[in-house]
C-alpha atoms as a PDB file:
ATOM      1  CA  UNK A   1      86.349  97.650  77.072  1.00  0.00           C
ATOM      2  CA  UNK A   2      87.131  96.903  80.682  1.00  0.00           C
ATOM      3  CA  UNK A   3      86.264  93.730  82.682  1.00  0.00           C
ATOM      4  CA  UNK A   4      84.256  94.456  86.442  1.00  0.00           C
ATOM      5  CA  UNK A   5      84.281  91.832  89.013  1.00  0.00           C
ATOM      6  CA  UNK A   6      84.513  92.313  92.267  1.00  0.00           C
ATOM      7  CA  UNK A   7      86.046  89.732  94.145  1.00  0.00           C
ATOM      8  CA  UNK A   8      86.538  88.341  98.064  1.00  0.00           C
ATOM      9  CA  UNK A   9      89.222  86.953  98.930  1.00  0.00           C
ATOM     10  CA  UNK A  10      91.307  84.901 101.424  1.00  0.00           C
ATOM     11  CA  UNK A  11      93.175  87.137 103.636  1.00  0.00           C
ATOM     12  CA  UNK A  12      94.693  86.422 107.349  1.00  0.00           C
ATOM     13  CA  UNK A  13      91.665  87.702 108.788  1.00  0.00           C
ATOM     14  CA  UNK A  14      89.193  86.865 106.561  1.00  0.00           C
ATOM     15  CA  UNK A  15      87.306  87.790 103.420  1.00  0.00           C
ATOM     16  CA  UNK A  16      89.813  90.623 101.486  1.00  0.00           C
ATOM     17  CA  UNK A  17      86.992  92.534  99.323  1.00  0.00           C
ATOM     18  CA  UNK A  18      88.904  94.266  95.221  1.00  0.00           C
ATOM     19  CA  UNK A  19      87.170  95.352  92.922  1.00  0.00           C
ATOM     20  CA  UNK A  20      88.925  94.450  89.660  1.00  0.00           C
ATOM     21  CA  UNK A  21      88.817  96.110  86.386  1.00  0.00           C
ATOM     22  CA  UNK A  22      91.021  94.709  83.658  1.00  0.00           C
ATOM     23  CA  UNK A  23      91.331  95.346  79.889  1.00  0.00           C
ATOM     24  CA  UNK A  24      91.433  91.600  77.702  1.00  0.00           C
ATOM     25  CA  UNK A  25      94.887  92.256  78.018  1.00  0.00           C
ATOM     26  CA  UNK A  26      96.069  93.878  80.478  1.00  0.00           C
ATOM     27  CA  UNK A  27     100.284  95.663  79.598  1.00  0.00           C
ATOM     28  CA  UNK A  28     100.607  96.190  83.775  1.00  0.00           C
ATOM     29  CA  UNK A  29      99.178  95.750  86.803  1.00  0.00           C
ATOM     30  CA  UNK A  30      97.753  98.477  89.302  1.00  0.00           C
ATOM     31  CA  UNK A  31      97.232  98.051  93.210  1.00  0.00           C
ATOM     32  CA  UNK A  32      95.723 100.927  94.680  1.00  0.00           C
ATOM     33  CA  UNK A  33      94.717 101.760  98.026  1.00  0.00           C
ATOM     34  CA  UNK A  34      92.155 103.906 100.015  1.00  0.00           C
ATOM     35  CA  UNK A  35      91.997 106.327 102.376  1.00  0.00           C
ATOM     36  CA  UNK A  36      92.002 105.771 106.425  1.00  0.00           C
ATOM     37  CA  UNK A  37      88.510 103.193 107.031  1.00  0.00           C
ATOM     38  CA  UNK A  38      87.387 104.152 110.596  1.00  0.00           C
ATOM     39  CA  UNK A  39      87.477 108.252 108.648  1.00  0.00           C
ATOM     40  CA  UNK A  40      85.077 106.966 105.888  1.00  0.00           C
ATOM     41  CA  UNK A  41      87.597 105.752 103.677  1.00  0.00           C
ATOM     42  CA  UNK A  42      86.644 103.300 101.404  1.00  0.00           C
ATOM     43  CA  UNK A  43      87.929 102.081  97.342  1.00  0.00           C
ATOM     44  CA  UNK A  44      85.713 103.871  95.462  1.00  0.00           C
ATOM     45  CA  UNK A  45      86.728 107.738  97.253  1.00  0.00           C
ATOM     46  CA  UNK A  46      87.222 109.354  94.303  1.00  0.00           C
ATOM     47  CA  UNK A  47      90.970 109.975  94.185  1.00  0.00           C
ATOM     48  CA  UNK A  48      90.655 106.709  94.748  1.00  0.00           C
ATOM     49  CA  UNK A  49      88.632 105.941  90.992  1.00  0.00           C
ATOM     50  CA  UNK A  50      90.679 108.449  89.733  1.00  0.00           C
ATOM     51  CA  UNK A  51      94.610 106.926  90.193  1.00  0.00           C
ATOM     52  CA  UNK A  52      92.560 103.470  89.324  1.00  0.00           C
ATOM     53  CA  UNK A  53      91.429 105.309  85.610  1.00  0.00           C
ATOM     54  CA  UNK A  54      94.544 106.694  84.782  1.00  0.00           C
ATOM     55  CA  UNK A  55      96.370 103.306  85.509  1.00  0.00           C
ATOM     56  CA  UNK A  56      93.829 102.019  83.403  1.00  0.00           C
ATOM     57  CA  UNK A  57      94.513 103.910  80.274  1.00  0.00           C
ATOM     58  CA  UNK A  58      97.830 103.053  80.590  1.00  0.00           C
ATOM     59  CA  UNK A  59      96.696  99.073  79.684  1.00  0.00           C
ATOM     60  CA  UNK A  60      96.676  98.178  83.332  1.00  0.00           C
ATOM     61  CA  UNK A  61      94.395  95.478  85.255  1.00  0.00           C
ATOM     62  CA  UNK A  62      93.588  97.459  88.101  1.00  0.00           C
ATOM     63  CA  UNK A  63      93.304  96.204  92.214  1.00  0.00           C
ATOM     64  CA  UNK A  64      91.034  98.046  94.600  1.00  0.00           C
ATOM     65  CA  UNK A  65      91.055  96.598  97.851  1.00  0.00           C
ATOM     66  CA  UNK A  66      88.856  97.616 101.076  1.00  0.00           C
ATOM     67  CA  UNK A  67      90.570  98.003 104.202  1.00  0.00           C
ATOM     68  CA  UNK A  68      89.656  96.031 107.467  1.00  0.00           C
ATOM     69  CA  UNK A  69      86.065  96.377 108.539  1.00  0.00           C
ATOM     70  CA  UNK A  70      84.716  98.253 105.471  1.00  0.00           C
ATOM     71  CA  UNK A  71      82.581  96.689 102.553  1.00  0.00           C
ATOM     72  CA  UNK A  72      82.656  93.523 102.914  1.00  0.00           C
ATOM     73  CA  UNK A  73      86.530  93.321 104.035  1.00  0.00           C
ATOM     74  CA  UNK A  74      86.418  91.557 107.060  1.00  0.00           C
ATOM     75  CA  UNK A  75      88.990  92.311 110.343  1.00  0.00           C
ATOM     76  CA  UNK A  76      89.725  95.349 112.473  1.00  0.00           C
ATOM     77  CA  UNK A  77      91.716  98.224 112.048  1.00  0.00           C
ATOM     78  CA  UNK A  78      95.434  97.477 112.477  1.00  0.00           C
ATOM     79  CA  UNK A  79      96.680 100.768 111.668  1.00  0.00           C
ATOM     80  CA  UNK A  80      98.137 100.209 108.796  1.00  0.00           C
ATOM     81  CA  UNK A  81     100.301  96.945 110.294  1.00  0.00           C
ATOM     82  CA  UNK A  82      97.607  94.199 109.325  1.00  0.00           C
ATOM     83  CA  UNK A  83      96.751  96.420 106.325  1.00  0.00           C
ATOM     84  CA  UNK A  84     100.068  95.432 104.414  1.00  0.00           C
ATOM     85  CA  UNK A  85      99.406  92.125 105.158  1.00  0.00           C
ATOM     86  CA  UNK A  86      96.259  92.507 103.240  1.00  0.00           C
ATOM     87  CA  UNK A  87      97.901  94.255  99.725  1.00  0.00           C
ATOM     88  CA  UNK A  88     100.830  91.832 100.064  1.00  0.00           C
ATOM     89  CA  UNK A  89      97.261  89.341  99.622  1.00  0.00           C
ATOM     90  CA  UNK A  90      96.177  90.878  97.127  1.00  0.00           C
ATOM     91  CA  UNK A  91      99.371  91.697  94.793  1.00  0.00           C
ATOM     92  CA  UNK A  92     100.444  87.898  95.235  1.00  0.00           C
ATOM     93  CA  UNK A  93      96.698  86.606  93.506  1.00  0.00           C
ATOM     94  CA  UNK A  94      96.668  89.848  91.058  1.00  0.00           C
ATOM     95  CA  UNK A  95     100.611  88.297  90.390  1.00  0.00           C
ATOM     96  CA  UNK A  96      98.779  85.190  89.701  1.00  0.00           C
ATOM     97  CA  UNK A  97      95.736  86.543  88.039  1.00  0.00           C
ATOM     98  CA  UNK A  98      97.205  88.320  85.329  1.00  0.00           C
ATOM     99  CA  UNK A  99     100.614  86.991  85.092  1.00  0.00           C
ATOM    100  CA  UNK A 100     103.840  87.076  86.988  1.00  0.00           C
ATOM    101  CA  UNK A 101     105.962  89.163  84.205  1.00  0.00           C
ATOM    102  CA  UNK A 102     103.776  92.061  83.608  1.00  0.00           C
ATOM    103  CA  UNK A 103     104.638  95.535  85.201  1.00  0.00           C
ATOM    104  CA  UNK A 104     103.273  96.477  88.931  1.00  0.00           C
ATOM    105  CA  UNK A 105     102.204  99.849  89.961  1.00  0.00           C
ATOM    106  CA  UNK A 106     101.310 100.685  93.266  1.00  0.00           C
ATOM    107  CA  UNK A 107      98.836 104.118  94.070  1.00  0.00           C
ATOM    108  CA  UNK A 108      97.400 105.507  97.032  1.00  0.00           C
ATOM    109  CA  UNK A 109      95.834 108.036  98.848  1.00  0.00           C
ATOM    110  CA  UNK A 110      95.970 109.351 102.692  1.00  0.00           C
ATOM    111  CA  UNK A 111      96.930 106.115 104.869  1.00  0.00           C
ATOM    112  CA  UNK A 112      96.253 104.465 101.218  1.00  0.00           C
ATOM    113  CA  UNK A 113      99.271 106.108 100.707  1.00  0.00           C
ATOM    114  CA  UNK A 114     101.450 105.811 103.722  1.00  0.00           C
ATOM    115  CA  UNK A 115     100.223 101.773 104.026  1.00  0.00           C
ATOM    116  CA  UNK A 116     101.361 101.560 100.182  1.00  0.00           C
ATOM    117  CA  UNK A 117     105.208 102.684 101.084  1.00  0.00           C
ATOM    118  CA  UNK A 118     105.578  99.923 102.908  1.00  0.00           C
ATOM    119  CA  UNK A 119     104.078  96.814 100.410  1.00  0.00           C
ATOM    120  CA  UNK A 120     106.345  98.998  98.610  1.00  0.00           C
ATOM    121  CA  UNK A 121     109.546  98.422 100.527  1.00  0.00           C
ATOM    122  CA  UNK A 122     108.580  94.585 101.496  1.00  0.00           C
ATOM    123  CA  UNK A 123     108.087  93.932  97.745  1.00  0.00           C
ATOM    124  CA  UNK A 124     111.292  95.390  96.780  1.00  0.00           C
ATOM    125  CA  UNK A 125     112.829  93.445  99.760  1.00  0.00           C
ATOM    126  CA  UNK A 126     111.480  90.216  98.230  1.00  0.00           C
ATOM    127  CA  UNK A 127     113.248  90.274  94.728  1.00  0.00           C
ATOM    128  CA  UNK A 128     109.815  91.898  93.202  1.00  0.00           C
ATOM    129  CA  UNK A 129     110.044  95.586  93.262  1.00  0.00           C
ATOM    130  CA  UNK A 130     107.022  97.845  92.110  1.00  0.00           C
ATOM    131  CA  UNK A 131     107.621  99.793  88.711  1.00  0.00           C
ATOM    132  CA  UNK A 132     106.677 103.100  89.429  1.00  0.00           C
ATOM    133  CA  UNK A 133     104.943 104.657  92.864  1.00  0.00           C
ATOM    134  CA  UNK A 134     102.075 107.208  92.224  1.00  0.00           C
ATOM    135  CA  UNK A 135     101.194 109.203  95.954  1.00  0.00           C
ATOM    136  CA  UNK A 136      98.635 111.441  96.968  1.00  0.00           C
ATOM    137  CA  UNK A 137      98.253 112.941 100.173  1.00  0.00           C
ATOM    138  CA  UNK A 138     100.553 110.798 101.917  1.00  0.00           C
ATOM    139  CA  UNK A 139      99.839 110.576 105.732  1.00  0.00           C
ATOM    140  CA  UNK A 140     103.407 111.393 107.478  1.00  0.00           C
ATOM    141  CA  UNK A 141     104.004 112.318 110.379  1.00  0.00           C
ATOM    142  CA  UNK A 142     101.606 113.663 113.591  1.00  0.00           C
ATOM    143  CA  UNK A 143      98.182 114.027 111.727  1.00  0.00           C
ATOM    144  CA  UNK A 144      94.720 114.711 112.676  1.00  0.00           C
ATOM    145  CA  UNK A 145      92.979 112.729 115.299  1.00  0.00           C
ATOM    146  CA  UNK A 146      95.842 112.405 116.801  1.00  0.00           C
ATOM    147  CA  UNK A 147      98.268 110.024 114.535  1.00  0.00           C
ATOM    148  CA  UNK A 148     101.856 109.557 113.390  1.00  0.00           C
ATOM    149  CA  UNK A 149     103.276 107.718 110.853  1.00  0.00           C
ATOM    150  CA  UNK A 150     106.737 106.950 110.015  1.00  0.00           C
ATOM    151  CA  UNK A 151     106.342 106.451 106.365  1.00  0.00           C
ATOM    152  CA  UNK A 152     108.627 104.025 104.386  1.00  0.00           C
ATOM    153  CA  UNK A 153     111.659 105.977 101.535  1.00  0.00           C
ATOM    154  CA  UNK A 154     110.265 104.921  98.340  1.00  0.00           C
ATOM    155  CA  UNK A 155     111.915 105.689  95.131  1.00  0.00           C
ATOM    156  CA  UNK A 156     113.147 109.064  93.635  1.00  0.00           C
ATOM    157  CA  UNK A 157     111.014 108.258  90.528  1.00  0.00           C
ATOM    158  CA  UNK A 158     107.870 108.747  92.920  1.00  0.00           C
ATOM    159  CA  UNK A 159     105.048 110.821  91.674  1.00  0.00           C
ATOM    160  CA  UNK A 160     103.756 112.616  95.333  1.00  0.00           C
ATOM    161  CA  UNK A 161     101.306 115.044  95.057  1.00  0.00           C
ATOM    162  CA  UNK A 162      99.987 116.815  97.672  1.00  0.00           C
ATOM    163  CA  UNK A 163      97.454 119.310  98.090  1.00  0.00           C
ATOM    164  CA  UNK A 164      98.374 123.271  99.514  1.00  0.00           C
ATOM    165  CA  UNK A 165      95.757 123.680 101.974  1.00  0.00           C
ATOM    166  CA  UNK A 166      95.540 119.940 102.906  1.00  0.00           C
ATOM    167  CA  UNK A 167      94.353 119.889 105.912  1.00  0.00           C
ATOM    168  CA  UNK A 168      94.351 116.380 107.359  1.00  0.00           C
ATOM    169  CA  UNK A 169      97.927 115.938 106.241  1.00  0.00           C
ATOM    170  CA  UNK A 170      99.969 119.826 106.340  1.00  0.00           C
ATOM    171  CA  UNK A 171     101.870 120.042 103.137  1.00  0.00           C
ATOM    172  CA  UNK A 172     105.122 120.251 105.798  1.00  0.00           C
ATOM    173  CA  UNK A 173     104.554 116.940 107.278  1.00  0.00           C
ATOM    174  CA  UNK A 174     105.469 115.523 103.543  1.00  0.00           C
ATOM    175  CA  UNK A 175     108.373 118.436 102.516  1.00  0.00           C
ATOM    176  CA  UNK A 176     109.935 116.719 106.168  1.00  0.00           C
ATOM    177  CA  UNK A 177     109.860 113.079 105.015  1.00  0.00           C
ATOM    178  CA  UNK A 178     110.237 114.247 101.350  1.00  0.00           C
ATOM    179  CA  UNK A 179     113.713 116.669 101.987  1.00  0.00           C
ATOM    180  CA  UNK A 180     115.360 113.746 102.896  1.00  0.00           C
ATOM    181  CA  UNK A 181     114.791 111.591 100.354  1.00  0.00           C
ATOM    182  CA  UNK A 182     115.960 113.874  97.809  1.00  0.00           C
ATOM    183  CA  UNK A 183     111.754 113.229  96.694  1.00  0.00           C
ATOM    184  CA  UNK A 184     110.493 115.692  94.235  1.00  0.00           C
ATOM    185  CA  UNK A 185     106.859 117.138  95.634  1.00  0.00           C
ATOM    186  CA  UNK A 186     103.979 118.095  93.124  1.00  0.00           C
ATOM    187  CA  UNK A 187     102.104 120.518  95.387  1.00  0.00           C
ATOM    188  CA  UNK A 188      98.444 121.786  93.352  1.00  0.00           C
ATOM    189  CA  UNK A 189      97.494 125.469  94.421  1.00  0.00           C
ATOM    190  CA  UNK A 190      93.982 125.726  96.732  1.00  0.00           C
ATOM    191  CA  UNK A 191      93.894 121.639  96.907  1.00  0.00           C
ATOM    192  CA  UNK A 192      92.261 120.756 100.457  1.00  0.00           C
ATOM    193  CA  UNK A 193      93.058 116.969 101.245  1.00  0.00           C
ATOM    194  CA  UNK A 194      90.690 115.461  98.855  1.00  0.00           C
ATOM    195  CA  UNK A 195      90.951 117.540  96.027  1.00  0.00           C
ATOM    196  CA  UNK A 196      87.509 118.802  95.324  1.00  0.00           C
ATOM    197  CA  UNK A 197      87.658 120.038  91.937  1.00  0.00           C
ATOM    198  CA  UNK A 198      91.179 119.784  91.600  1.00  0.00           C
ATOM    199  CA  UNK A 199      90.645 115.875  90.470  1.00  0.00           C
ATOM    200  CA  UNK A 200      91.959 116.699  86.806  1.00  0.00           C
ATOM    201  CA  UNK A 201      95.299 118.174  88.467  1.00  0.00           C
ATOM    202  CA  UNK A 202      96.120 114.740  89.163  1.00  0.00           C
ATOM    203  CA  UNK A 203      95.278 113.125  86.323  1.00  0.00           C
ATOM    204  CA  UNK A 204      97.612 116.340  84.936  1.00  0.00           C
ATOM    205  CA  UNK A 205     100.789 116.396  86.725  1.00  0.00           C
ATOM    206  CA  UNK A 206     100.787 111.798  86.633  1.00  0.00           C
ATOM    207  CA  UNK A 207     100.659 112.674  82.931  1.00  0.00           C
ATOM    208  CA  UNK A 208     103.417 115.133  82.542  1.00  0.00           C
ATOM    209  CA  UNK A 209     105.826 112.559  84.681  1.00  0.00           C
ATOM    210  CA  UNK A 210     105.030 109.065  84.057  1.00  0.00           C
ATOM    211  CA  UNK A 211     107.582 109.394  81.466  1.00  0.00           C
ATOM    212  CA  UNK A 212     110.481 110.799  83.309  1.00  0.00           C
END
């Protein structure tokens, strides 16, 4: 049975609220980032909690932080820049809490997936690369709300999942990002940005690709 905790970490702009769920002896550490905080994104988003459950079923302790200005997390939205620093702080706390030797996995949805690509680049440059990334509805290119994302390159074994009918991040944006990286994209037919009634397909795709 997993332990459930809510912790407040010290971040550069104040508290970072993190929801922690961990088995008694975790075999991995997973950090999952939520969608855009100015458009209702929180750590309790259904895609985020689905990803967290998938990671826990693989023995991971999961960390679901709230970005700046969400829940009890302090600070102002910074378009992914300071949010990357905050995720790095959560990652460091998780390493200290659960062990530096555990493999680390990163998951993200929408804006959270974009920030995760930035964190993955930073971790790789520091010599502590993530073992695997799972990205859903990845923010890339020009999207709804006059926002533009220059999404970082990721490892070729990254699991990328996108909805065919995503109205927030057009599928074409993600394909344009993935093509020069030789990155496969799993497209869920009929799925919108939030994967309404399609969450079980996220699980199925991750399960089918995990050991490849």
